[in-house]
């Protein structure tokens, strides 16, 4: 049974590749702004709605995986930075604060959500100097423009944090272990 990943995220593809999962990719056709305006709320709930929307936006013969991540700091939700200057603003805001990174993953079949899971990891951002932020963005921009928290944990972004509490896969952007369990229960992966 074909498996489709409704995502253009290289890190989500890498997670499935490294887990040895066979799949195809398709770009999800979702207006995230509409979903954010309609559902808002806390990061984990919003991440679930976005993951579900992405999963049902792609048609296929088998199961479709949709996933999304949302960052919140002090109750404020953040989008991916549109410019380097906005990325610097985000990093200055994150400095010294606790970041909630919520990731969700959904499985759909026949245009209906069959399963969804969300979880939140908590990351303590260290105090960031303006000099560090400038140096960091010099090295990481524009790659981090595609990252809602302005970091790639698999790269220099790890230097932003003092502590992390939560699943590494959730921090990367997709709760992989619950997804693998759901795929096994559906017969997509061997038990």
Protein backbone atom coordinates (compact mmCIF):
# COMPACT_ATOMS: atom_id res chain seq x y z
CA UNK A 1 0.00 0.00 0.00
CA UNK A 2 1.58 3.32 -1.04
CA UNK A 3 2.53 5.80 1.65
CA UNK A 4 2.61 9.52 0.88
CA UNK A 5 4.31 12.25 2.88
CA UNK A 6 2.41 15.51 2.36
CA UNK A 7 5.41 17.70 3.03
CA UNK A 8 8.29 19.47 1.31
CA UNK A 9 10.35 19.50 4.53
CA UNK A 10 13.81 18.00 4.01
CA UNK A 11 14.09 17.08 7.70
CA UNK A 12 10.79 15.15 7.69
CA UNK A 13 11.94 13.29 4.58
CA UNK A 14 15.29 12.59 6.26
CA UNK A 15 13.54 11.16 9.34
CA UNK A 16 11.52 8.71 7.22
CA UNK A 17 14.56 7.86 5.07
CA UNK A 18 16.69 7.13 8.14
CA UNK A 19 13.91 4.94 9.56
CA UNK A 20 13.92 2.91 6.32
CA UNK A 21 10.36 3.88 5.32
CA UNK A 22 9.35 3.71 1.65
CA UNK A 23 7.15 6.65 0.67
CA UNK A 24 6.41 9.24 -1.98
CA UNK A 25 6.22 12.99 -1.38
CA UNK A 26 3.59 15.44 -2.51
CA UNK A 27 3.26 19.10 -1.68
CA UNK A 28 0.25 19.74 0.58
CA UNK A 29 -2.26 22.25 -0.74
CA UNK A 30 -3.14 24.11 2.46
CA UNK A 31 -3.65 27.79 3.25
CA UNK A 32 -2.03 27.83 6.69
CA UNK A 33 -3.17 31.39 7.39
CA UNK A 34 -6.83 30.35 7.11
CA UNK A 35 -6.29 27.44 9.50
CA UNK A 36 -4.39 29.65 11.96
CA UNK A 37 -7.16 32.27 11.88
CA UNK A 38 -9.87 29.64 12.34
CA UNK A 39 -8.23 27.57 15.08
CA UNK A 40 -5.59 29.70 16.80
CA UNK A 41 -5.35 28.56 20.40
CA UNK A 42 -2.40 26.79 21.92
CA UNK A 43 0.52 25.53 19.86
CA UNK A 44 -0.23 21.83 20.12
CA UNK A 45 -3.88 22.18 19.08
CA UNK A 46 -2.90 24.36 16.14
CA UNK A 47 -0.16 21.93 15.08
CA UNK A 48 -2.74 19.12 15.09
CA UNK A 49 -5.16 21.09 12.90
CA UNK A 50 -2.37 21.94 10.46
CA UNK A 51 -1.16 18.33 10.31
CA UNK A 52 -4.69 17.08 9.68
CA UNK A 53 -5.29 19.66 6.95
CA UNK A 54 -2.07 18.70 5.20
CA UNK A 55 -2.86 14.99 5.39
CA UNK A 56 -6.33 15.37 3.83
CA UNK A 57 -5.13 17.88 1.20
CA UNK A 58 -3.32 15.18 -0.78
CA UNK A 59 -5.14 12.42 -2.62
CA UNK A 60 -3.64 8.97 -2.82
CA UNK A 61 -4.48 5.29 -2.90
CA UNK A 62 -2.96 4.60 0.49
CA UNK A 63 -2.18 6.45 3.65
CA UNK A 64 -1.11 10.10 3.64
CA UNK A 65 1.06 11.60 6.39
CA UNK A 66 0.71 15.29 7.26
CA UNK A 67 2.84 17.04 9.85
CA UNK A 68 3.47 20.53 11.19
CA UNK A 69 5.20 22.39 14.00
CA UNK A 70 4.30 25.51 15.94
CA UNK A 71 6.52 27.59 18.23
CA UNK A 72 5.12 29.57 21.14
CA UNK A 73 6.91 31.77 23.64
CA UNK A 74 5.03 33.44 26.50
CA UNK A 75 1.72 32.59 24.78
CA UNK A 76 2.73 34.23 21.49
CA UNK A 77 2.71 32.01 18.39
CA UNK A 78 5.49 32.47 15.84
CA UNK A 79 5.59 31.85 12.09
CA UNK A 80 8.65 31.14 9.99
CA UNK A 81 10.65 34.34 9.57
CA UNK A 82 10.13 36.05 6.22
CA UNK A 83 13.35 38.07 6.32
CA UNK A 84 16.71 37.90 8.04
CA UNK A 85 15.75 41.00 10.04
CA UNK A 86 12.59 39.25 11.24
CA UNK A 87 14.65 36.18 12.15
CA UNK A 88 16.87 38.39 14.31
CA UNK A 89 13.77 39.90 15.97
CA UNK A 90 12.47 36.40 16.76
CA UNK A 91 15.80 35.36 18.25
CA UNK A 92 15.96 38.50 20.40
CA UNK A 93 12.44 37.74 21.67
CA UNK A 94 13.33 34.08 22.39
CA UNK A 95 16.48 35.05 24.29
CA UNK A 96 16.37 33.87 27.91
CA UNK A 97 12.85 32.46 27.58
CA UNK A 98 11.16 29.08 27.54
CA UNK A 99 10.06 28.01 24.05
CA UNK A 100 7.26 25.54 23.50
CA UNK A 101 7.77 23.62 20.26
CA UNK A 102 4.64 21.66 19.39
CA UNK A 103 4.72 19.12 16.58
CA UNK A 104 1.88 17.00 15.30
CA UNK A 105 1.50 14.25 12.76
CA UNK A 106 -1.68 12.92 11.16
CA UNK A 107 -2.53 9.98 8.95
CA UNK A 108 -5.38 10.23 6.46
CA UNK A 109 -6.91 7.72 4.11
CA UNK A 110 -9.52 8.46 1.48
CA UNK A 111 -9.57 12.14 2.44
CA UNK A 112 -10.46 11.41 6.08
CA UNK A 113 -8.22 11.74 9.12
CA UNK A 114 -7.58 8.27 10.50
CA UNK A 115 -5.15 9.14 13.31
CA UNK A 116 -3.48 12.23 14.79
CA UNK A 117 -0.89 12.78 17.50
CA UNK A 118 0.65 15.94 18.92
CA UNK A 119 3.18 16.69 21.60
CA UNK A 120 5.17 19.62 22.92
CA UNK A 121 8.85 19.87 23.76
CA UNK A 122 10.15 22.65 25.99
CA UNK A 123 13.41 24.35 25.15
CA UNK A 124 15.12 26.92 27.37
CA UNK A 125 16.78 29.51 25.12
CA UNK A 126 19.97 30.89 26.62
CA UNK A 127 20.64 34.63 26.77
CA UNK A 128 21.64 35.58 23.22
CA UNK A 129 23.82 38.61 22.56
CA UNK A 130 23.26 40.73 19.47
CA UNK A 131 26.76 39.74 18.31
CA UNK A 132 25.88 36.03 18.63
CA UNK A 133 22.59 36.51 16.77
CA UNK A 134 24.37 38.30 13.91
CA UNK A 135 27.11 35.65 13.72
CA UNK A 136 24.53 32.84 13.89
CA UNK A 137 22.38 34.28 11.10
CA UNK A 138 25.45 34.95 8.98
CA UNK A 139 26.11 31.20 9.08
CA UNK A 140 22.53 29.89 9.02
CA UNK A 141 20.49 32.27 6.86
CA UNK A 142 18.61 31.49 4.61
CA UNK A 143 18.44 27.82 5.66
CA UNK A 144 16.63 28.69 8.92
CA UNK A 145 14.01 30.69 7.01
CA UNK A 146 12.21 27.35 6.64
CA UNK A 147 12.30 26.69 10.38
CA UNK A 148 9.57 28.07 12.62
CA UNK A 149 11.93 28.44 15.60
CA UNK A 150 14.77 29.90 13.48
CA UNK A 151 17.00 26.89 14.19
CA UNK A 152 18.05 23.54 12.84
CA UNK A 153 18.72 21.23 15.76
CA UNK A 154 20.82 19.03 13.49
CA UNK A 155 23.12 22.02 12.91
CA UNK A 156 24.41 25.10 14.78
CA UNK A 157 20.92 25.80 16.17
CA UNK A 158 21.73 23.56 19.12
CA UNK A 159 23.86 26.48 20.39
CA UNK A 160 20.70 28.50 21.13
CA UNK A 161 19.62 26.34 24.05
CA UNK A 162 20.47 25.66 27.69
CA UNK A 163 18.06 22.75 28.21
CA UNK A 164 15.57 20.65 26.27
CA UNK A 165 12.71 18.57 27.63
CA UNK A 166 10.89 16.43 25.09
CA UNK A 167 11.35 14.07 22.18
CA UNK A 168 14.19 14.85 19.80
CA UNK A 169 11.93 13.92 16.87
CA UNK A 170 9.27 16.35 18.06
CA UNK A 171 11.93 19.05 18.15
CA UNK A 172 12.97 18.12 14.61
CA UNK A 173 9.34 18.59 13.54
CA UNK A 174 7.49 15.26 13.53
CA UNK A 175 6.72 12.87 16.43
CA UNK A 176 8.32 9.91 14.69
CA UNK A 177 7.95 7.11 17.26
CA UNK A 178 4.15 7.49 17.64
CA UNK A 179 3.90 7.68 13.82
CA UNK A 180 5.85 4.45 13.37
CA UNK A 181 3.57 2.71 15.89
CA UNK A 182 0.46 3.96 14.07
CA UNK A 183 1.85 2.73 10.72
CA UNK A 184 2.58 -0.71 12.22
CA UNK A 185 -0.98 -0.97 13.60
CA UNK A 186 -2.29 -0.20 10.09
CA UNK A 187 -0.14 -2.90 8.48
CA UNK A 188 2.02 -0.38 6.57
CA UNK A 189 5.10 -1.46 8.54
CA UNK A 190 5.91 -4.91 9.90
CA UNK A 191 4.93 -5.63 13.51
